[in-house]
């Protein structure tokens, strides 16, 4: 099976949506970053708090 890395793929069902991170996801992720910092505990790049989240997205993209 050949994989085309130039295509943007999305996996979705009635419970979840999995897609590539985008710059405009900051606003969507900010409430989780600020209110649930434990979600980022095992991340190699911390993303808890607005400043860390901006850095995380910048590095990821």
C-alpha atoms as a PDB file:
ATOM      1  CA  UNK A   1       0.000   0.000   0.000  1.00  0.00           C
ATOM      2  CA  UNK A   2       1.397   3.370  -0.982  1.00  0.00           C
ATOM      3  CA  UNK A   3       0.704   6.412   1.150  1.00  0.00           C
ATOM      4  CA  UNK A   4       0.401   9.881  -0.389  1.00  0.00           C
ATOM      5  CA  UNK A   5       1.910  12.336   2.107  1.00  0.00           C
ATOM      6  CA  UNK A   6       0.650  15.269   0.030  1.00  0.00           C
ATOM      7  CA  UNK A   7      -2.983  14.476   0.868  1.00  0.00           C
ATOM      8  CA  UNK A   8      -4.604  15.707   4.027  1.00  0.00           C
ATOM      9  CA  UNK A   9      -6.412  12.807   5.648  1.00  0.00           C
ATOM     10  CA  UNK A  10      -9.173  12.952   8.223  1.00  0.00           C
ATOM     11  CA  UNK A  11     -10.449  10.047  10.292  1.00  0.00           C
ATOM     12  CA  UNK A  12     -13.887  10.559  11.748  1.00  0.00           C
ATOM     13  CA  UNK A  13     -16.758   8.669  13.306  1.00  0.00           C
ATOM     14  CA  UNK A  14     -19.712   9.669  15.478  1.00  0.00           C
ATOM     15  CA  UNK A  15     -17.441  10.100  18.548  1.00  0.00           C
ATOM     16  CA  UNK A  16     -14.099  11.397  17.326  1.00  0.00           C
ATOM     17  CA  UNK A  17     -12.355  13.462  14.673  1.00  0.00           C
ATOM     18  CA  UNK A  18      -8.661  12.926  13.999  1.00  0.00           C
ATOM     19  CA  UNK A  19      -6.898  15.346  11.685  1.00  0.00           C
ATOM     20  CA  UNK A  20      -3.667  17.275  11.407  1.00  0.00           C
ATOM     21  CA  UNK A  21      -3.055  20.146  13.791  1.00  0.00           C
ATOM     22  CA  UNK A  22      -3.689  23.610  12.346  1.00  0.00           C
ATOM     23  CA  UNK A  23      -2.659  27.087  13.486  1.00  0.00           C
ATOM     24  CA  UNK A  24      -6.271  28.079  14.186  1.00  0.00           C
ATOM     25  CA  UNK A  25      -6.646  25.174  16.658  1.00  0.00           C
ATOM     26  CA  UNK A  26      -5.151  27.415  19.346  1.00  0.00           C
ATOM     27  CA  UNK A  27      -8.547  28.844  20.306  1.00  0.00           C
ATOM     28  CA  UNK A  28     -10.103  25.367  20.440  1.00  0.00           C
ATOM     29  CA  UNK A  29      -7.311  23.907  22.579  1.00  0.00           C
ATOM     30  CA  UNK A  30      -6.814  26.883  24.902  1.00  0.00           C
ATOM     31  CA  UNK A  31      -9.580  25.961  27.392  1.00  0.00           C
ATOM     32  CA  UNK A  32      -8.049  22.481  27.811  1.00  0.00           C
ATOM     33  CA  UNK A  33      -4.574  23.944  28.104  1.00  0.00           C
ATOM     34  CA  UNK A  34      -5.576  26.371  30.845  1.00  0.00           C
ATOM     35  CA  UNK A  35      -8.189  24.352  32.757  1.00  0.00           C
ATOM     36  CA  UNK A  36      -6.775  20.823  32.431  1.00  0.00           C
ATOM     37  CA  UNK A  37      -2.965  21.077  32.549  1.00  0.00           C
ATOM     38  CA  UNK A  38      -2.667  17.406  33.586  1.00  0.00           C
ATOM     39  CA  UNK A  39      -3.626  16.436  30.008  1.00  0.00           C
ATOM     40  CA  UNK A  40      -0.174  17.623  28.892  1.00  0.00           C
ATOM     41  CA  UNK A  41       1.773  15.892  31.671  1.00  0.00           C
ATOM     42  CA  UNK A  42       3.324  13.201  29.428  1.00  0.00           C
ATOM     43  CA  UNK A  43       3.940  15.488  26.457  1.00  0.00           C
ATOM     44  CA  UNK A  44       7.586  16.059  25.562  1.00  0.00           C
ATOM     45  CA  UNK A  45       6.726  19.710  24.937  1.00  0.00           C
ATOM     46  CA  UNK A  46       4.561  21.195  27.689  1.00  0.00           C
ATOM     47  CA  UNK A  47       1.364  22.829  26.441  1.00  0.00           C
ATOM     48  CA  UNK A  48      -0.319  23.862  29.668  1.00  0.00           C
ATOM     49  CA  UNK A  49      -1.122  27.571  29.641  1.00  0.00           C
ATOM     50  CA  UNK A  50      -1.485  29.952  26.710  1.00  0.00           C
ATOM     51  CA  UNK A  51       2.228  30.659  26.206  1.00  0.00           C
ATOM     52  CA  UNK A  52       3.185  26.979  26.266  1.00  0.00           C
ATOM     53  CA  UNK A  53       0.307  26.101  23.935  1.00  0.00           C
ATOM     54  CA  UNK A  54       1.452  28.684  21.366  1.00  0.00           C
ATOM     55  CA  UNK A  55       4.962  27.270  21.537  1.00  0.00           C
ATOM     56  CA  UNK A  56       3.658  23.697  21.246  1.00  0.00           C
ATOM     57  CA  UNK A  57       1.615  24.493  18.116  1.00  0.00           C
ATOM     58  CA  UNK A  58       4.473  26.462  16.566  1.00  0.00           C
ATOM     59  CA  UNK A  59       6.915  23.571  17.086  1.00  0.00           C
ATOM     60  CA  UNK A  60       4.405  20.982  15.869  1.00  0.00           C
ATOM     61  CA  UNK A  61       3.694  22.830  12.647  1.00  0.00           C
END
